[in-house]
Protein backbone atom coordinates (compact mmCIF):
# COMPACT_ATOMS: atom_id res chain seq x y z
CA MET A 1 99.50 91.83 62.43
CA LEU A 2 99.13 87.94 63.50
CA LEU A 3 101.56 87.55 66.84
CA SER A 4 102.93 84.12 68.09
CA ILE A 5 101.84 83.26 71.32
CA GLY A 6 105.30 84.60 72.89
CA ASP A 7 104.86 87.55 71.18
CA LEU A 8 101.40 88.23 72.70
CA SER A 9 102.45 87.46 76.12
CA ARG A 10 105.40 90.07 75.83
CA LYS A 11 103.22 92.33 74.41
CA THR A 12 100.37 92.10 76.87
CA GLY A 13 102.66 90.64 80.25
CA VAL A 14 100.04 87.23 80.18
CA LYS A 15 102.54 84.50 80.61
CA VAL A 16 101.94 81.69 77.91
CA PRO A 17 100.10 79.02 80.34
CA THR A 18 97.77 81.75 81.64
CA ILE A 19 96.85 82.93 77.77
CA ARG A 20 96.21 79.07 76.88
CA TYR A 21 93.80 78.65 80.37
CA TYR A 22 92.11 81.96 79.42
CA GLU A 23 91.01 80.04 76.16
CA GLN A 24 90.08 77.09 77.78
CA MET A 25 87.95 79.11 79.63
CA GLY A 26 86.35 81.10 76.80
CA LEU A 27 87.27 84.33 77.49
CA ILE A 28 89.68 84.92 74.37
CA GLU A 29 88.66 82.93 71.57
CA ALA A 30 90.92 80.24 70.10
CA PRO A 31 93.15 81.50 67.42
CA ILE A 32 93.83 80.70 64.03
CA ARG A 33 96.40 78.03 63.69
CA SER A 34 99.62 78.23 60.98
CA GLU A 35 100.41 75.59 58.65
CA GLY A 36 102.95 74.57 61.29
CA ASN A 37 100.04 74.48 63.77
CA GLN A 38 101.19 77.05 65.71
CA ARG A 39 98.78 80.01 67.48
CA ARG A 40 98.75 82.96 65.49
CA TYR A 41 96.53 86.28 67.40
CA SER A 42 94.86 89.06 65.93
CA GLN A 43 94.70 92.75 67.55
CA LYS A 44 91.18 91.66 68.57
CA GLU A 45 92.66 88.85 70.47
CA LEU A 46 95.44 91.33 71.59
CA GLU A 47 92.89 93.88 72.62
CA CYS A 48 90.84 91.13 74.47
CA LEU A 49 93.70 90.15 76.94
CA SER A 50 94.90 93.04 77.74
CA PHE A 51 91.45 93.84 78.48
CA ILE A 52 91.69 90.86 81.10
CA LYS A 53 95.14 91.45 82.20
CA HIS A 54 93.75 94.94 83.19
CA ALA A 55 90.83 94.05 84.83
CA ARG A 56 93.18 91.20 86.85
CA ASP A 57 95.14 93.70 88.23
CA LEU A 58 92.36 95.52 89.50
CA GLY A 59 91.21 92.72 91.28
CA LEU A 60 88.53 91.71 89.44
CA SER A 61 86.72 87.93 89.40
CA ILE A 62 86.88 85.40 86.10
CA GLN A 63 83.02 85.48 86.56
CA ALA A 64 82.91 89.41 86.93
CA ILE A 65 85.49 89.63 84.12
CA ARG A 66 83.33 87.13 81.79
CA GLU A 67 80.12 89.21 82.25
CA LEU A 68 82.23 92.70 81.49
CA MET A 69 83.32 90.90 78.50
CA GLU A 70 79.49 90.34 77.17
CA LEU A 71 78.39 93.59 77.83
CA SER A 72 81.40 95.05 76.02
CA ALA A 73 79.88 93.42 72.96
CA HIS A 74 76.91 95.34 73.27
CA PRO A 75 78.23 98.86 73.44
CA GLU A 76 74.65 100.21 72.50
CA HIS A 77 73.21 98.74 75.85
CA PRO A 78 73.21 100.70 79.05
CA CYS A 79 75.75 100.50 81.35
CA ASP A 80 74.44 99.52 84.82
CA HIS A 81 75.27 96.24 84.92
CA ALA A 82 79.08 97.02 84.14
CA ASP A 83 78.67 99.87 86.69
CA ASP A 84 77.20 97.44 89.59
CA ILE A 85 80.04 95.17 88.96
CA ALA A 86 82.61 98.03 89.69
CA LYS A 87 80.78 98.92 92.63
CA ALA A 88 80.22 95.46 94.50
CA HIS A 89 84.27 94.92 94.14
CA LEU A 90 85.23 98.21 95.19
CA GLU A 91 83.24 97.07 98.17
CA ASP A 92 84.89 94.08 98.33
CA VAL A 93 88.00 95.64 98.67
CA ARG A 94 86.99 97.92 100.96
CA VAL A 95 86.42 95.05 103.40
CA ARG A 96 89.55 93.59 102.29
CA ILE A 97 91.75 96.67 103.34
CA ALA A 98 89.68 96.84 106.64
CA GLN A 99 90.61 93.19 107.80
CA LEU A 100 93.94 94.45 106.82
CA GLN A 101 94.09 97.53 108.75
CA SER A 102 92.91 95.29 112.00
CA LEU A 103 95.53 92.61 111.49
CA GLU A 104 98.12 95.27 110.70
CA ALA A 105 97.43 96.82 113.84
CA GLU A 106 97.28 93.73 115.70
CA LEU A 107 100.93 92.42 114.71
CA ALA A 108 101.86 95.65 115.17
CA ARG A 109 100.45 95.34 118.91
CA ILE A 110 102.03 91.84 119.39
CA SER A 111 105.36 93.03 117.88
CA ALA A 112 105.76 95.55 119.78
CA GLY A 113 104.85 93.58 123.18
CA CYS A 114 107.69 91.45 122.67
CA THR A 115 110.69 92.38 124.63
CA GLY A 116 111.65 88.85 126.12
CA GLU A 117 115.38 87.82 125.00
CA ASN A 118 114.61 84.39 124.40
CA VAL A 119 112.00 82.12 122.77
CA ARG A 120 110.67 81.32 126.00
CA GLU A 121 109.61 84.66 126.68
CA CYS A 122 108.61 85.76 123.50
CA TYR A 123 105.44 87.92 123.04
CA VAL A 124 104.94 86.93 119.51
CA ILE A 125 105.08 83.06 120.23
CA GLN A 126 103.11 83.60 123.76
CA SER A 127 100.69 85.41 121.25
CA LEU A 128 100.25 83.13 118.63
CA ALA A 129 99.87 79.97 120.74
CA ASP A 130 96.91 81.76 123.14
CA HIS A 131 94.42 83.47 120.87
CA SER A 132 92.92 84.97 123.71
CA LEU A 133 96.12 87.44 124.29
CA CYS A 134 95.06 89.19 121.14
CA ARG A 135 92.81 91.79 120.90
CA THR A 136 90.75 91.70 117.83
CA ASP A 137 89.03 88.38 116.50
CA HIS A 138 91.36 88.60 113.27
């Protein structure tokens, strides 16, 4: 079964320009070409692109995905490095969540502090203009 780039896009949810970008980066192999010079993708490219899409949906970097794909090409090797990549990404996600929670709290506080009836008295505008009115250094 060979797929056109449009079919591959529909099956994976990856946009056509992104598929071409992944090809240029070497994340997926350049496909065979039809007599009319159209890209034709095999099941292997479909599976590879699905892997990349899922990894990107989880927020993994292109470099991490590249490393994971290289690891997956050697199924007999230990998976310590794959686990290390996942753990490092998890820690990054936790740090970002903590930062977002801090931002959420500060925005809620600023928003709740706005009791003015006009922009001149607006606490949101005042807080944005004067960082010292914020409780945290975000």
